[in-house]
Protein backbone atom coordinates (compact mmCIF):
# COMPACT_ATOMS: atom_id res chain seq x y z
CA MET A 1 126.90 42.70 81.61
CA SER A 2 123.80 40.79 80.27
CA ASP A 3 121.41 43.15 78.47
CA ARG A 4 121.96 43.67 74.88
CA ILE A 5 122.92 46.92 72.87
CA PHE A 6 122.04 48.11 69.83
CA LYS A 7 123.89 50.07 67.21
CA VAL A 8 122.90 51.23 63.42
CA LEU A 9 126.06 50.24 61.43
CA GLY A 10 126.49 53.73 59.24
CA LYS A 11 126.60 54.08 55.65
CA ARG A 12 130.31 53.26 55.21
CA GLY A 13 130.02 49.98 57.27
CA ARG A 14 131.64 52.19 60.55
CA ILE A 15 130.35 51.10 64.21
CA THR A 16 131.02 52.33 67.43
CA ILE A 17 132.05 50.09 70.31
CA PRO A 18 129.11 51.19 73.08
CA PHE A 19 130.76 53.08 76.09
CA GLU A 20 129.23 49.98 78.45
CA ILE A 21 130.87 47.51 76.35
CA ARG A 22 134.90 49.63 76.43
CA LYS A 23 134.49 50.77 79.86
CA ALA A 24 133.52 46.64 81.30
CA LEU A 25 136.50 45.24 78.78
CA GLY A 26 139.35 48.10 79.79
CA PHE A 27 139.33 49.10 76.15
CA ALA A 28 141.27 52.86 75.77
CA TYR A 29 141.89 54.87 73.27
CA ASN A 30 144.46 53.73 70.49
CA ASP A 31 143.87 50.10 71.92
CA ILE A 32 144.29 47.80 68.59
CA VAL A 33 141.94 45.21 67.87
CA SER A 34 141.16 42.39 66.36
CA PHE A 35 138.07 40.84 64.61
CA LYS A 36 137.07 37.15 64.18
CA THR A 37 134.63 36.11 63.17
CA ASP A 38 132.97 32.70 62.40
CA GLY A 39 129.58 33.51 59.81
CA ASN A 40 127.55 34.45 62.34
CA THR A 41 129.05 36.43 65.16
CA VAL A 42 132.00 38.60 65.33
CA GLN A 43 134.89 38.45 68.28
CA VAL A 44 136.31 41.93 69.02
CA LYS A 45 139.77 41.53 71.34
CA ARG A 46 142.16 44.22 72.50
CA GLU A 47 145.84 42.85 71.10
CA LYS A 48 148.96 43.33 72.35
CA ILE A 49 151.37 44.43 69.80
CA CYS A 50 154.77 43.56 72.27
CA ASP A 51 155.12 41.59 75.59
CA ASN A 52 157.60 43.78 77.96
CA CYS A 53 158.33 46.43 75.15
CA ARG A 54 158.72 49.44 77.85
CA MET A 55 160.83 47.20 80.37
CA GLU A 56 162.92 46.11 77.54
CA HIS A 57 163.63 49.45 76.13
CA ALA A 58 163.85 50.91 79.80
CA GLU A 59 167.03 48.05 80.02
CA LYS A 60 168.65 49.21 77.48
CA GLU A 61 168.70 52.54 77.40
CA THR A 62 170.01 51.90 81.50
CA ALA A 63 172.98 49.90 80.13
CA GLY A 64 173.93 52.69 77.57
CA ASP A 65 172.79 50.66 74.66
CA GLY A 66 170.39 52.48 73.09
CA ILE A 67 167.37 51.09 70.72
CA THR A 68 166.48 52.49 67.44
CA LEU A 69 163.05 51.76 65.98
CA LEU A 70 164.31 50.13 63.30
CA ASN A 71 165.86 47.86 65.44
CA PHE A 72 163.19 47.86 67.82
CA LEU A 73 160.60 47.09 64.97
CA ASP A 74 162.89 44.57 63.14
CA LYS A 75 163.07 42.56 66.58
CA LEU A 76 158.74 41.90 66.73
CA THR A 77 157.46 39.17 65.59
CA PRO A 78 155.76 39.04 62.70
CA SER A 79 152.25 39.47 64.30
CA GLU A 80 153.09 42.21 66.53
CA GLN A 81 155.04 44.12 63.46
CA ARG A 82 150.96 43.78 61.53
CA ALA A 83 149.57 45.58 65.10
CA ALA A 84 152.30 48.58 64.91
CA LEU A 85 151.77 48.97 61.20
CA ILE A 86 148.06 49.03 61.99
CA HIS A 87 148.48 51.49 64.82
CA LEU A 88 150.72 53.52 62.97
CA SER A 89 148.86 53.45 59.84
CA VAL A 90 145.36 54.58 62.09
CA LYS A 91 147.31 57.55 63.94
CA TRP A 92 148.58 59.04 60.17
CA ALA A 93 145.25 58.46 58.81
CA GLU A 94 144.10 60.66 62.07
CA ASN A 95 146.62 63.07 61.63
CA GLN A 96 145.94 63.47 57.90
CA GLY A 97 142.05 64.46 58.81
CA GLY A 98 141.43 60.78 57.86
CA ASP A 99 139.25 60.38 61.23
CA ASN A 100 135.77 61.05 59.39
CA HIS A 101 132.79 59.37 61.22
CA ALA A 102 130.06 57.92 59.44
């Protein structure tokens, strides 16, 4: 994809990542993204909150140990905890009706 896509920044500073870009990069609903700038450009990156989270959870359940949500969150790295917080904050805001698009 080499063609430029232009979008207008909304009055609240919001913008939608164009479908073509989301599709090309594999972005999906509820993905967590980070933004980084060098002052001239913005880099958008899909973030993972945990490596092998599902596998670790499944292994503990089959072992009969189970795992609580708080234990799971406590075992995440600080960056994984931050990503989880952002994800949950967005979900909470959506459930409160805070997903108003500009």
